[in-house]
Amino acid sequence: MTEDTGGTMTLTDFLLARIAEDEFAADTPLTLQSWTGRRVLAECDAKRRIVELHQPVEFGAGTRHPDAYMPDRPICQTCGSGEPYEYPVDWPCGTLKLLALTYADHPGFRDEWRP
């Protein structure tokens, strides 16, 4: 994935790019022989699964509880409570922002992604 310097990269794209970089670094012959390399690969897999769970949902017909508040922005498909989308949580959610915080020193990180 190429770096986006124009500010259009989503937090999901940013996280997946950083995870891929970590996997690449851990997947070298010398690193892979160590416990650390295996741990990094396992951590990358766990992070990728968390990112997959916290994708944005756009509202449309039939996607919300009839009594639910309908925001004009995407919400996290996993966070929130009540009936589906009854108490939505804005996307990117706090979970993704916390994952991204470990990459806060990366030039592609944006302040709006801070928890």
N, C-alpha and C. Protein backbone atom coordinates (compact mmCIF):
# COMPACT_ATOMS: atom_id res chain seq x y z
N MET A 1 0.85 -1.18 0.00
CA MET A 1 0.00 0.00 0.00
C MET A 1 0.89 1.23 0.00
N THR A 2 0.54 2.18 -0.80
CA THR A 2 1.31 3.40 -0.85
C THR A 2 0.86 4.35 0.24
N GLU A 3 1.78 5.20 0.67
CA GLU A 3 1.46 6.18 1.71
C GLU A 3 0.60 7.28 1.13
N ASP A 4 -0.34 7.74 1.91
CA ASP A 4 -1.25 8.80 1.51
C ASP A 4 -0.86 10.06 2.26
N THR A 5 -0.30 11.01 1.56
CA THR A 5 0.09 12.25 2.20
C THR A 5 -0.97 13.33 2.05
N GLY A 6 -2.07 13.02 1.34
CA GLY A 6 -3.12 13.99 1.14
C GLY A 6 -4.19 13.97 2.21
N GLY A 7 -4.09 13.07 3.19
CA GLY A 7 -5.04 13.03 4.28
C GLY A 7 -6.32 12.27 3.97
N THR A 8 -6.35 11.48 2.90
CA THR A 8 -7.56 10.74 2.57
C THR A 8 -7.52 9.29 3.06
N MET A 9 -6.41 8.84 3.58
CA MET A 9 -6.30 7.48 4.09
C MET A 9 -7.16 7.34 5.34
N THR A 10 -7.96 6.28 5.38
CA THR A 10 -8.79 6.05 6.56
C THR A 10 -7.93 5.44 7.67
N LEU A 11 -8.46 5.45 8.88
CA LEU A 11 -7.74 4.83 9.99
C LEU A 11 -7.56 3.34 9.74
N THR A 12 -8.54 2.69 9.16
CA THR A 12 -8.42 1.27 8.83
C THR A 12 -7.27 1.04 7.86
N ASP A 13 -7.20 1.84 6.80
CA ASP A 13 -6.10 1.72 5.83
C ASP A 13 -4.75 1.93 6.50
N PHE A 14 -4.68 2.96 7.36
CA PHE A 14 -3.45 3.27 8.07
C PHE A 14 -3.02 2.09 8.95
N LEU A 15 -3.95 1.54 9.72
CA LEU A 15 -3.62 0.42 10.60
C LEU A 15 -3.18 -0.81 9.81
N LEU A 16 -3.90 -1.13 8.76
CA LEU A 16 -3.52 -2.31 7.98
C LEU A 16 -2.15 -2.15 7.33
N ALA A 17 -1.80 -0.94 6.92
CA ALA A 17 -0.47 -0.69 6.36
C ALA A 17 0.62 -0.86 7.41
N ARG A 18 0.38 -0.37 8.63
CA ARG A 18 1.37 -0.50 9.70
C ARG A 18 1.51 -1.97 10.11
N ILE A 19 0.40 -2.68 10.18
CA ILE A 19 0.44 -4.11 10.53
C ILE A 19 1.24 -4.88 9.48
N ALA A 20 1.03 -4.56 8.22
CA ALA A 20 1.78 -5.23 7.14
C ALA A 20 3.27 -4.95 7.27
N GLU A 21 3.64 -3.72 7.63
CA GLU A 21 5.05 -3.39 7.84
C GLU A 21 5.63 -4.19 8.99
N ASP A 22 4.88 -4.32 10.08
CA ASP A 22 5.34 -5.11 11.22
C ASP A 22 5.53 -6.57 10.84
N GLU A 23 4.59 -7.11 10.06
CA GLU A 23 4.71 -8.50 9.61
C GLU A 23 5.93 -8.69 8.75
N PHE A 24 6.17 -7.76 7.84
CA PHE A 24 7.33 -7.85 6.97
C PHE A 24 8.62 -7.86 7.79
N ALA A 25 8.69 -6.96 8.78
CA ALA A 25 9.89 -6.88 9.63
C ALA A 25 10.07 -8.16 10.43
N ALA A 26 8.97 -8.75 10.89
CA ALA A 26 9.07 -9.96 11.71
C ALA A 26 9.32 -11.21 10.88
N ASP A 27 9.08 -11.13 9.59
CA ASP A 27 9.15 -12.31 8.73
C ASP A 27 10.50 -12.46 8.04
N THR A 28 11.55 -11.85 8.59
CA THR A 28 12.88 -12.04 8.03
C THR A 28 13.46 -13.33 8.61
N PRO A 29 14.37 -13.98 7.89
CA PRO A 29 14.90 -15.26 8.38
C PRO A 29 15.50 -15.18 9.78
N LEU A 30 16.21 -14.14 10.12
CA LEU A 30 16.81 -14.06 11.44
C LEU A 30 15.77 -13.81 12.52
N THR A 31 14.84 -12.93 12.26
CA THR A 31 13.82 -12.60 13.25
C THR A 31 12.85 -13.75 13.45
N LEU A 32 12.49 -14.43 12.38
CA LEU A 32 11.50 -15.50 12.47
C LEU A 32 11.99 -16.64 13.35
N GLN A 33 13.30 -16.82 13.48
CA GLN A 33 13.84 -17.88 14.32
C GLN A 33 13.66 -17.58 15.80
N SER A 34 13.41 -16.35 16.12
CA SER A 34 13.31 -15.97 17.53
C SER A 34 11.87 -15.99 18.01
N TRP A 35 11.70 -16.05 19.31
CA TRP A 35 10.38 -15.98 19.93
C TRP A 35 9.73 -14.64 19.61
N THR A 36 10.51 -13.58 19.55
CA THR A 36 9.98 -12.25 19.28
C THR A 36 9.32 -12.18 17.92
N GLY A 37 9.96 -12.74 16.91
CA GLY A 37 9.39 -12.73 15.56
C GLY A 37 8.04 -13.43 15.51
N ARG A 38 7.95 -14.61 16.18
CA ARG A 38 6.67 -15.33 16.21
C ARG A 38 5.61 -14.54 16.96
N ARG A 39 6.02 -13.84 18.03
CA ARG A 39 5.08 -13.04 18.80
C ARG A 39 4.55 -11.88 17.96
N VAL A 40 5.44 -11.24 17.22
CA VAL A 40 5.03 -10.11 16.39
C VAL A 40 4.04 -10.57 15.32
N LEU A 41 4.28 -11.70 14.71
CA LEU A 41 3.36 -12.21 13.70
C LEU A 41 2.00 -12.53 14.31
N ALA A 42 1.99 -13.11 15.50
CA ALA A 42 0.73 -13.40 16.19
C ALA A 42 0.01 -12.09 16.55
N GLU A 43 0.77 -11.09 16.98
CA GLU A 43 0.19 -9.79 17.32
C GLU A 43 -0.40 -9.13 16.07
N CYS A 44 0.29 -9.22 14.95
CA CYS A 44 -0.23 -8.65 13.71
C CYS A 44 -1.54 -9.32 13.30
N ASP A 45 -1.61 -10.63 13.45
CA ASP A 45 -2.84 -11.35 13.13
C ASP A 45 -3.99 -10.89 14.03
N ALA A 46 -3.72 -10.75 15.32
CA ALA A 46 -4.76 -10.31 16.26
C ALA A 46 -5.22 -8.89 15.93
N LYS A 47 -4.29 -7.99 15.63
CA LYS A 47 -4.65 -6.62 15.28
C LYS A 47 -5.50 -6.58 14.02
N ARG A 48 -5.12 -7.36 13.02
CA ARG A 48 -5.87 -7.38 11.76
C ARG A 48 -7.31 -7.86 12.02
N ARG A 49 -7.48 -8.85 12.88
CA ARG A 49 -8.83 -9.35 13.20
C ARG A 49 -9.66 -8.29 13.93
N ILE A 50 -9.01 -7.53 14.80
CA ILE A 50 -9.71 -6.45 15.50
C ILE A 50 -10.16 -5.39 14.50
N VAL A 51 -9.28 -5.03 13.57
CA VAL A 51 -9.64 -4.04 12.55
C VAL A 51 -10.83 -4.55 11.73
N GLU A 52 -10.83 -5.83 11.38
CA GLU A 52 -11.95 -6.40 10.62
C GLU A 52 -13.27 -6.33 11.39
N LEU A 53 -13.22 -6.48 12.70
CA LEU A 53 -14.43 -6.42 13.53
C LEU A 53 -15.00 -5.01 13.65
N HIS A 54 -14.17 -4.01 13.51
CA HIS A 54 -14.58 -2.63 13.75
C HIS A 54 -14.64 -1.81 12.47
N GLN A 55 -15.35 -2.34 11.47
CA GLN A 55 -15.53 -1.65 10.19
C GLN A 55 -16.67 -0.64 10.29
N PRO A 56 -16.66 0.37 9.43
CA PRO A 56 -17.74 1.35 9.45
C PRO A 56 -19.01 0.81 8.79
N VAL A 57 -20.14 1.26 9.29
CA VAL A 57 -21.44 0.92 8.71
C VAL A 57 -22.09 2.23 8.27
N GLU A 58 -22.53 2.27 7.04
CA GLU A 58 -23.28 3.43 6.54
C GLU A 58 -24.76 3.11 6.71
N PHE A 59 -25.55 4.08 7.10
CA PHE A 59 -26.97 3.85 7.29
C PHE A 59 -27.68 3.83 5.95
N GLY A 60 -28.71 3.01 5.89
CA GLY A 60 -29.56 2.91 4.71
C GLY A 60 -30.86 2.24 5.12
N ALA A 61 -31.70 1.99 4.19
CA ALA A 61 -32.99 1.38 4.49
C ALA A 61 -32.79 0.02 5.17
N GLY A 62 -33.47 -0.16 6.28
CA GLY A 62 -33.44 -1.44 6.97
C GLY A 62 -32.20 -1.71 7.79
N THR A 63 -31.33 -0.71 7.99
CA THR A 63 -30.09 -0.97 8.72
C THR A 63 -30.13 -0.46 10.15
N ARG A 64 -31.28 -0.02 10.62
CA ARG A 64 -31.32 0.50 11.97
C ARG A 64 -32.62 0.12 12.67
N HIS A 65 -32.58 0.18 13.95
CA HIS A 65 -33.76 -0.01 14.77
C HIS A 65 -34.71 1.14 14.49
N PRO A 66 -36.03 0.91 14.39
CA PRO A 66 -36.96 2.00 14.04
C PRO A 66 -36.92 3.19 15.00
N ASP A 67 -36.60 2.97 16.26
CA ASP A 67 -36.56 4.05 17.23
C ASP A 67 -35.16 4.61 17.45
N ALA A 68 -34.20 4.15 16.68
CA ALA A 68 -32.81 4.54 16.91
C ALA A 68 -32.50 5.91 16.32
N TYR A 69 -31.54 6.56 16.94
CA TYR A 69 -30.99 7.80 16.41
C TYR A 69 -30.24 7.47 15.13
N MET A 70 -30.42 8.24 14.09
CA MET A 70 -29.75 7.96 12.82
C MET A 70 -28.71 9.03 12.54
N PRO A 71 -27.43 8.74 12.81
CA PRO A 71 -26.39 9.74 12.57
C PRO A 71 -26.15 9.93 11.08
N ASP A 72 -25.55 11.06 10.74
CA ASP A 72 -25.23 11.35 9.34
C ASP A 72 -23.79 11.00 9.01
N ARG A 73 -23.22 10.10 9.77
CA ARG A 73 -21.83 9.68 9.58
C ARG A 73 -21.75 8.18 9.86
N PRO A 74 -20.67 7.54 9.43
CA PRO A 74 -20.56 6.10 9.67
C PRO A 74 -20.40 5.78 11.16
N ILE A 75 -20.85 4.61 11.51
CA ILE A 75 -20.70 4.13 12.88
C ILE A 75 -19.94 2.81 12.86
N CYS A 76 -19.42 2.40 14.01
CA CYS A 76 -18.70 1.13 14.13
C CYS A 76 -19.71 0.00 14.13
N GLN A 77 -19.44 -1.04 13.35
CA GLN A 77 -20.36 -2.17 13.28
C GLN A 77 -20.34 -3.03 14.54
N THR A 78 -19.35 -2.87 15.41
CA THR A 78 -19.22 -3.70 16.59
C THR A 78 -19.54 -2.96 17.88
N CYS A 79 -19.15 -1.72 17.98
CA CYS A 79 -19.34 -0.97 19.22
C CYS A 79 -20.79 -0.49 19.36
N GLY A 80 -21.13 -0.03 20.52
CA GLY A 80 -22.49 0.42 20.77
C GLY A 80 -23.25 -0.63 21.55
N SER A 81 -24.51 -0.35 21.82
CA SER A 81 -25.30 -1.29 22.61
C SER A 81 -26.76 -1.22 22.19
N GLY A 82 -27.55 -2.09 22.78
CA GLY A 82 -28.97 -2.13 22.49
C GLY A 82 -29.25 -2.90 21.21
N GLU A 83 -30.45 -2.71 20.71
CA GLU A 83 -30.82 -3.32 19.44
C GLU A 83 -29.81 -2.86 18.39
N PRO A 84 -29.75 -3.53 17.26
CA PRO A 84 -28.78 -3.10 16.24
C PRO A 84 -28.89 -1.61 15.94
N TYR A 85 -27.81 -0.91 16.17
CA TYR A 85 -27.65 0.51 15.87
C TYR A 85 -28.54 1.42 16.72
N GLU A 86 -29.07 0.91 17.85
CA GLU A 86 -29.90 1.74 18.71
C GLU A 86 -29.07 2.81 19.41
N TYR A 87 -27.88 2.43 19.86
CA TYR A 87 -26.96 3.38 20.51
C TYR A 87 -25.63 3.32 19.77
N PRO A 88 -25.54 3.99 18.64
CA PRO A 88 -24.36 3.87 17.78
C PRO A 88 -23.12 4.55 18.38
N VAL A 89 -21.98 4.07 17.94
CA VAL A 89 -20.69 4.65 18.30
C VAL A 89 -20.04 5.10 16.99
N ASP A 90 -19.61 6.35 16.96
CA ASP A 90 -18.99 6.90 15.75
C ASP A 90 -17.79 6.07 15.32
N TRP A 91 -17.57 6.04 14.01
CA TRP A 91 -16.39 5.39 13.45
C TRP A 91 -15.45 6.47 12.93
N PRO A 92 -14.15 6.37 13.18
CA PRO A 92 -13.48 5.26 13.84
C PRO A 92 -13.73 5.28 15.35
N CYS A 93 -13.92 4.10 15.88
CA CYS A 93 -14.25 3.94 17.29
C CYS A 93 -12.99 4.01 18.17
N GLY A 94 -13.21 4.03 19.46
CA GLY A 94 -12.11 4.09 20.41
C GLY A 94 -11.16 2.91 20.31
N THR A 95 -11.70 1.74 19.96
CA THR A 95 -10.86 0.55 19.83
C THR A 95 -9.81 0.75 18.74
N LEU A 96 -10.23 1.22 17.57
CA LEU A 96 -9.27 1.45 16.48
C LEU A 96 -8.30 2.56 16.82
N LYS A 97 -8.79 3.60 17.49
CA LYS A 97 -7.91 4.69 17.88
C LYS A 97 -6.84 4.22 18.86
N LEU A 98 -7.21 3.34 19.77
CA LEU A 98 -6.21 2.80 20.70
C LEU A 98 -5.19 1.93 19.97
N LEU A 99 -5.63 1.13 19.00
CA LEU A 99 -4.69 0.34 18.20
C LEU A 99 -3.72 1.25 17.45
N ALA A 100 -4.24 2.33 16.91
CA ALA A 100 -3.42 3.25 16.12
C ALA A 100 -2.43 4.02 16.97
N LEU A 101 -2.71 4.19 18.25
CA LEU A 101 -1.86 5.00 19.12
C LEU A 101 -0.42 4.49 19.16
N THR A 102 -0.23 3.19 18.96
CA THR A 102 1.13 2.66 18.95
C THR A 102 1.94 3.15 17.75
N TYR A 103 1.25 3.70 16.75
CA TYR A 103 1.91 4.22 15.56
C TYR A 103 1.86 5.74 15.50
N ALA A 104 1.64 6.40 16.61
CA ALA A 104 1.47 7.85 16.65
C ALA A 104 2.69 8.61 16.15
N ASP A 105 3.86 8.00 16.18
CA ASP A 105 5.06 8.67 15.71
C ASP A 105 5.27 8.52 14.20
N HIS A 106 4.39 7.78 13.52
CA HIS A 106 4.48 7.59 12.07
C HIS A 106 4.02 8.86 11.36
N PRO A 107 4.69 9.27 10.28
CA PRO A 107 4.30 10.51 9.61
C PRO A 107 2.89 10.49 9.03
N GLY A 108 2.32 9.34 8.78
CA GLY A 108 0.96 9.25 8.24
C GLY A 108 -0.13 9.32 9.29
N PHE A 109 0.25 9.30 10.56
CA PHE A 109 -0.73 9.35 11.66
C PHE A 109 -1.33 10.74 11.73
N ARG A 110 -2.66 10.80 11.95
CA ARG A 110 -3.34 12.09 12.03
C ARG A 110 -3.85 12.30 13.47
N ASP A 111 -3.79 13.54 13.93
CA ASP A 111 -4.22 13.87 15.29
C ASP A 111 -5.66 13.49 15.57
N GLU A 112 -6.51 13.52 14.57
CA GLU A 112 -7.92 13.16 14.78
C GLU A 112 -8.11 11.70 15.13
N TRP A 113 -7.06 10.89 14.98
CA TRP A 113 -7.13 9.48 15.35
C TRP A 113 -6.71 9.23 16.79
N ARG A 114 -6.35 10.27 17.51
CA ARG A 114 -5.99 10.10 18.92
C ARG A 114 -7.25 9.82 19.74
N PRO A 115 -7.14 8.89 20.70
CA PRO A 115 -8.32 8.60 21.54
C PRO A 115 -8.66 9.77 22.46
